[in-house]
N, C-alpha and C. Protein backbone atom coordinates (compact mmCIF):
# COMPACT_ATOMS: atom_id res chain seq x y z
N MET A 1 117.83 -255.71 106.80
CA MET A 1 117.75 -254.35 106.27
C MET A 1 116.90 -254.32 105.00
N ARG A 2 117.15 -255.27 104.09
CA ARG A 2 116.40 -255.32 102.84
C ARG A 2 114.91 -255.52 103.11
N ALA A 3 114.60 -256.39 104.06
CA ALA A 3 113.20 -256.63 104.41
C ALA A 3 112.53 -255.37 104.93
N ALA A 4 113.26 -254.59 105.72
CA ALA A 4 112.71 -253.34 106.26
C ALA A 4 112.44 -252.34 105.15
N VAL A 5 113.34 -252.26 104.17
CA VAL A 5 113.14 -251.35 103.04
C VAL A 5 111.93 -251.78 102.22
N LEU A 6 111.79 -253.09 101.97
CA LEU A 6 110.64 -253.59 101.21
C LEU A 6 109.34 -253.32 101.94
N THR A 7 109.35 -253.45 103.25
CA THR A 7 108.16 -253.16 104.04
C THR A 7 107.79 -251.68 103.94
N LEU A 8 108.77 -250.81 104.05
CA LEU A 8 108.51 -249.37 103.92
C LEU A 8 107.99 -249.02 102.54
N LEU A 9 108.53 -249.65 101.51
CA LEU A 9 108.03 -249.40 100.15
C LEU A 9 106.58 -249.85 100.02
N ALA A 10 106.26 -251.00 100.56
CA ALA A 10 104.88 -251.50 100.49
C ALA A 10 103.93 -250.55 101.20
N LEU A 11 104.35 -250.02 102.34
CA LEU A 11 103.50 -249.07 103.07
C LEU A 11 103.32 -247.77 102.29
N ALA A 12 104.35 -247.35 101.57
CA ALA A 12 104.27 -246.11 100.81
C ALA A 12 103.35 -246.25 99.61
N VAL A 13 103.26 -247.45 99.04
CA VAL A 13 102.46 -247.65 97.83
C VAL A 13 101.00 -247.89 98.17
N GLN A 14 100.72 -248.64 99.22
CA GLN A 14 99.35 -248.97 99.56
C GLN A 14 99.00 -248.46 100.94
N PRO A 15 97.74 -248.08 101.12
CA PRO A 15 97.34 -247.66 102.46
C PRO A 15 97.42 -248.85 103.40
N SER A 16 97.90 -248.62 104.59
CA SER A 16 98.07 -249.71 105.55
C SER A 16 96.84 -249.83 106.42
N THR A 17 96.36 -251.05 106.56
CA THR A 17 95.25 -251.26 107.48
C THR A 17 95.73 -251.13 108.93
N ALA A 18 97.05 -251.16 109.13
CA ALA A 18 97.59 -250.95 110.47
C ALA A 18 97.35 -249.51 110.93
N LEU A 19 97.15 -248.60 109.98
CA LEU A 19 96.86 -247.20 110.30
C LEU A 19 95.36 -246.93 110.39
N ALA A 20 94.57 -247.98 110.36
CA ALA A 20 93.11 -247.85 110.36
C ALA A 20 92.62 -247.21 111.65
N THR A 21 91.57 -246.40 111.51
CA THR A 21 90.92 -245.78 112.66
C THR A 21 89.42 -246.02 112.54
N GLU A 22 88.69 -245.76 113.60
CA GLU A 22 87.23 -245.88 113.54
C GLU A 22 86.67 -244.67 112.80
N ILE A 23 85.84 -244.95 111.82
CA ILE A 23 85.25 -243.91 110.98
C ILE A 23 83.74 -243.94 111.19
N THR A 24 83.16 -242.79 111.41
CA THR A 24 81.72 -242.67 111.64
C THR A 24 81.04 -242.16 110.38
N LEU A 25 79.98 -242.84 109.97
CA LEU A 25 79.20 -242.45 108.79
C LEU A 25 77.77 -242.15 109.21
N GLN A 26 77.25 -241.02 108.77
CA GLN A 26 75.85 -240.69 108.98
C GLN A 26 75.07 -241.34 107.85
N LEU A 27 74.09 -242.19 108.19
CA LEU A 27 73.38 -242.98 107.20
C LEU A 27 71.87 -242.80 107.32
N GLU A 28 71.16 -243.19 106.26
CA GLU A 28 69.70 -243.12 106.24
C GLU A 28 69.17 -244.39 105.59
N ASN A 29 68.18 -245.03 106.23
CA ASN A 29 67.60 -246.23 105.63
C ASN A 29 66.52 -245.86 104.62
N ASP A 30 65.92 -246.87 104.00
CA ASP A 30 64.91 -246.63 102.96
C ASP A 30 63.65 -245.96 103.49
N ASN A 31 63.42 -246.01 104.80
CA ASN A 31 62.25 -245.38 105.41
C ASN A 31 62.51 -243.94 105.83
N GLY A 32 63.74 -243.46 105.63
CA GLY A 32 64.08 -242.10 105.98
C GLY A 32 64.63 -241.93 107.39
N SER A 33 64.75 -243.02 108.15
CA SER A 33 65.33 -242.93 109.49
C SER A 33 66.84 -242.82 109.38
N THR A 34 67.41 -241.93 110.18
CA THR A 34 68.85 -241.76 110.14
C THR A 34 69.48 -242.52 111.30
N TYR A 35 70.73 -242.92 111.09
CA TYR A 35 71.48 -243.62 112.12
C TYR A 35 72.96 -243.43 111.85
N THR A 36 73.78 -243.81 112.81
CA THR A 36 75.22 -243.71 112.68
C THR A 36 75.79 -245.11 112.47
N GLY A 37 76.64 -245.24 111.47
CA GLY A 37 77.35 -246.49 111.23
C GLY A 37 78.84 -246.26 111.42
N THR A 38 79.55 -247.28 111.84
CA THR A 38 80.99 -247.16 112.01
C THR A 38 81.70 -248.28 111.25
N ILE A 39 82.86 -247.95 110.73
CA ILE A 39 83.76 -248.93 110.13
C ILE A 39 85.16 -248.63 110.67
N THR A 40 86.02 -249.59 110.58
CA THR A 40 87.42 -249.37 110.92
C THR A 40 88.19 -249.42 109.62
N GLY A 41 88.89 -248.35 109.29
CA GLY A 41 89.58 -248.31 108.02
C GLY A 41 90.41 -247.06 107.83
N THR A 42 90.81 -246.86 106.58
CA THR A 42 91.65 -245.75 106.17
C THR A 42 90.97 -245.03 105.01
N ARG A 43 90.91 -243.71 105.05
CA ARG A 43 90.33 -242.94 103.94
C ARG A 43 91.31 -242.97 102.76
N LEU A 44 90.80 -243.38 101.60
CA LEU A 44 91.61 -243.41 100.39
C LEU A 44 91.53 -242.10 99.63
N ALA A 45 90.33 -241.56 99.52
CA ALA A 45 90.12 -240.32 98.76
C ALA A 45 88.72 -239.79 99.09
N SER A 46 88.52 -238.49 98.81
CA SER A 46 87.21 -237.91 99.02
C SER A 46 87.07 -236.62 98.23
N ASN A 47 85.82 -236.25 98.01
CA ASN A 47 85.50 -234.94 97.47
C ASN A 47 84.27 -234.44 98.24
N ASP A 48 83.57 -233.45 97.73
CA ASP A 48 82.42 -232.89 98.45
C ASP A 48 81.24 -233.85 98.55
N HIS A 49 81.19 -234.88 97.68
CA HIS A 49 80.01 -235.74 97.60
C HIS A 49 80.27 -237.21 97.92
N VAL A 50 81.52 -237.64 97.82
CA VAL A 50 81.84 -239.07 97.97
C VAL A 50 83.11 -239.22 98.81
N GLU A 51 83.11 -240.22 99.68
CA GLU A 51 84.31 -240.60 100.42
C GLU A 51 84.54 -242.09 100.17
N VAL A 52 85.81 -242.48 100.03
CA VAL A 52 86.14 -243.87 99.76
C VAL A 52 87.13 -244.34 100.82
N PHE A 53 86.84 -245.51 101.40
CA PHE A 53 87.64 -246.05 102.49
C PHE A 53 88.11 -247.46 102.17
N LEU A 54 89.23 -247.86 102.75
CA LEU A 54 89.68 -249.24 102.75
C LEU A 54 89.55 -249.72 104.18
N THR A 55 88.71 -250.75 104.40
CA THR A 55 88.48 -251.22 105.77
C THR A 55 89.62 -252.13 106.22
N ASP A 56 89.64 -252.39 107.51
CA ASP A 56 90.66 -253.28 108.06
C ASP A 56 90.49 -254.72 107.58
N THR A 57 89.34 -255.01 106.97
CA THR A 57 89.10 -256.33 106.37
C THR A 57 89.33 -256.31 104.86
N GLU A 58 89.95 -255.19 104.38
CA GLU A 58 90.36 -255.03 102.98
C GLU A 58 89.19 -254.86 102.01
N ASN A 59 88.05 -254.37 102.51
CA ASN A 59 86.93 -254.03 101.64
C ASN A 59 87.02 -252.55 101.27
N VAL A 60 86.62 -252.23 100.05
CA VAL A 60 86.54 -250.83 99.63
C VAL A 60 85.10 -250.38 99.84
N VAL A 61 84.92 -249.32 100.63
CA VAL A 61 83.60 -248.78 100.94
C VAL A 61 83.47 -247.40 100.31
N VAL A 62 82.40 -247.21 99.55
CA VAL A 62 82.10 -245.91 98.94
C VAL A 62 80.93 -245.32 99.71
N TYR A 63 81.14 -244.13 100.26
CA TYR A 63 80.12 -243.45 101.06
C TYR A 63 79.62 -242.24 100.30
N ASP A 64 78.31 -242.22 99.99
CA ASP A 64 77.67 -241.11 99.30
C ASP A 64 77.20 -240.12 100.37
N VAL A 65 77.92 -239.02 100.50
CA VAL A 65 77.64 -238.03 101.54
C VAL A 65 76.26 -237.41 101.37
N ASP A 66 75.85 -237.17 100.13
CA ASP A 66 74.57 -236.51 99.87
C ASP A 66 73.37 -237.42 100.14
N LYS A 67 73.48 -238.69 99.77
CA LYS A 67 72.37 -239.64 99.93
C LYS A 67 72.41 -240.38 101.26
N LEU A 68 73.49 -240.20 102.03
CA LEU A 68 73.69 -240.89 103.30
C LEU A 68 73.61 -242.41 103.12
N LYS A 69 74.23 -242.91 102.06
CA LYS A 69 74.26 -244.34 101.73
C LYS A 69 75.71 -244.78 101.59
N TYR A 70 75.95 -246.07 101.83
CA TYR A 70 77.27 -246.62 101.59
C TYR A 70 77.15 -247.87 100.71
N TYR A 71 78.20 -248.15 100.00
CA TYR A 71 78.25 -249.29 99.10
C TYR A 71 79.59 -249.98 99.29
N VAL A 72 79.58 -251.30 99.27
CA VAL A 72 80.82 -252.07 99.37
C VAL A 72 81.14 -252.61 97.99
N ASP A 73 82.37 -252.40 97.55
CA ASP A 73 82.80 -252.90 96.25
C ASP A 73 82.86 -254.42 96.32
N ASP A 74 81.86 -255.07 95.71
CA ASP A 74 81.80 -256.52 95.72
C ASP A 74 82.06 -257.13 94.35
N GLY A 75 82.48 -256.30 93.41
CA GLY A 75 82.77 -256.78 92.07
C GLY A 75 81.55 -256.86 91.17
N GLN A 76 80.36 -256.64 91.70
CA GLN A 76 79.14 -256.71 90.91
C GLN A 76 78.92 -255.44 90.09
N VAL A 77 79.34 -254.32 90.65
CA VAL A 77 79.24 -253.02 89.98
C VAL A 77 80.66 -252.46 89.88
N ASP A 78 80.99 -251.89 88.75
CA ASP A 78 82.32 -251.33 88.55
C ASP A 78 82.58 -250.24 89.58
N LEU A 79 83.76 -250.29 90.20
CA LEU A 79 84.11 -249.32 91.23
C LEU A 79 84.03 -247.89 90.70
N GLU A 80 84.41 -247.69 89.45
CA GLU A 80 84.32 -246.35 88.85
C GLU A 80 82.87 -245.87 88.85
N ASP A 81 81.93 -246.76 88.57
CA ASP A 81 80.51 -246.39 88.57
C ASP A 81 80.02 -246.10 89.99
N LEU A 82 80.51 -246.89 90.97
CA LEU A 82 80.12 -246.64 92.36
C LEU A 82 80.57 -245.26 92.83
N ILE A 83 81.80 -244.90 92.45
CA ILE A 83 82.35 -243.61 92.88
C ILE A 83 81.71 -242.47 92.11
N GLY A 84 81.54 -242.64 90.80
CA GLY A 84 80.85 -241.64 90.00
C GLY A 84 81.66 -240.40 89.65
N ASP A 85 82.95 -240.42 89.90
CA ASP A 85 83.81 -239.27 89.62
C ASP A 85 85.15 -239.82 89.14
N LEU A 86 85.50 -239.56 87.89
CA LEU A 86 86.70 -240.14 87.29
C LEU A 86 87.97 -239.77 88.05
N ASP A 87 88.13 -238.50 88.39
CA ASP A 87 89.34 -238.08 89.10
C ASP A 87 89.46 -238.76 90.46
N LEU A 88 88.34 -238.86 91.17
CA LEU A 88 88.36 -239.52 92.47
C LEU A 88 88.65 -241.01 92.31
N TYR A 89 88.09 -241.63 91.29
CA TYR A 89 88.36 -243.04 90.99
C TYR A 89 89.84 -243.27 90.75
N LEU A 90 90.46 -242.40 89.95
CA LEU A 90 91.89 -242.53 89.68
C LEU A 90 92.71 -242.37 90.95
N GLU A 91 92.30 -241.46 91.82
CA GLU A 91 92.99 -241.26 93.09
C GLU A 91 92.89 -242.51 93.97
N VAL A 92 91.71 -243.13 93.98
CA VAL A 92 91.51 -244.36 94.76
C VAL A 92 92.37 -245.48 94.21
N MET A 93 92.38 -245.65 92.90
CA MET A 93 93.18 -246.72 92.30
C MET A 93 94.67 -246.51 92.59
N ASP A 94 95.12 -245.27 92.53
CA ASP A 94 96.51 -244.97 92.90
C ASP A 94 96.78 -245.36 94.35
N ALA A 95 95.86 -245.00 95.23
CA ALA A 95 96.03 -245.31 96.65
C ALA A 95 96.05 -246.82 96.90
N LEU A 96 95.33 -247.57 96.08
CA LEU A 96 95.31 -249.03 96.20
C LEU A 96 96.51 -249.68 95.52
N GLY A 97 97.30 -248.86 94.82
CA GLY A 97 98.46 -249.40 94.12
C GLY A 97 98.10 -250.16 92.86
N GLN A 98 96.96 -249.81 92.27
CA GLN A 98 96.48 -250.49 91.08
C GLN A 98 96.38 -249.50 89.93
N GLU A 99 96.59 -250.01 88.73
CA GLU A 99 96.45 -249.15 87.54
C GLU A 99 95.00 -249.18 87.08
N ALA A 100 94.43 -248.01 86.89
CA ALA A 100 93.05 -247.90 86.44
C ALA A 100 92.96 -248.17 84.94
N THR A 101 91.90 -248.86 84.54
CA THR A 101 91.60 -249.05 83.13
C THR A 101 90.27 -248.37 82.87
N ILE A 102 90.28 -247.44 81.94
CA ILE A 102 89.11 -246.63 81.64
C ILE A 102 88.63 -246.95 80.22
N VAL A 103 87.33 -247.20 80.09
CA VAL A 103 86.74 -247.37 78.76
C VAL A 103 86.55 -245.99 78.16
N LEU A 104 87.21 -245.74 77.07
CA LEU A 104 87.09 -244.45 76.41
C LEU A 104 85.82 -244.44 75.57
N ASP A 105 84.92 -243.58 75.90
CA ASP A 105 83.62 -243.52 75.24
C ASP A 105 83.71 -242.61 74.02
N VAL A 106 84.41 -243.11 72.98
CA VAL A 106 84.58 -242.32 71.76
C VAL A 106 84.04 -243.06 70.57
């Protein structure tokens, strides 16, 4: 019983890759050709310009709807900078079960 409760709590705090579905992204290469890309994952958050997903391989993918580009959080660029929207970043961090740390530019 205790194990079942802990499992339910873990699912409530973090998005489950078990709930992952195939997601279609409209993309454009550097030459201007468009194509469709697919990932298997769960949507963490979105707004009119950016969608953020957690893939079944536990990668965070940021999709720029306006530029038709996607970026994988590889630790080289701050996730907040990839997303470009503080509120959406906070929503993603909450969905990942992580506390966001923000540099206050004062």
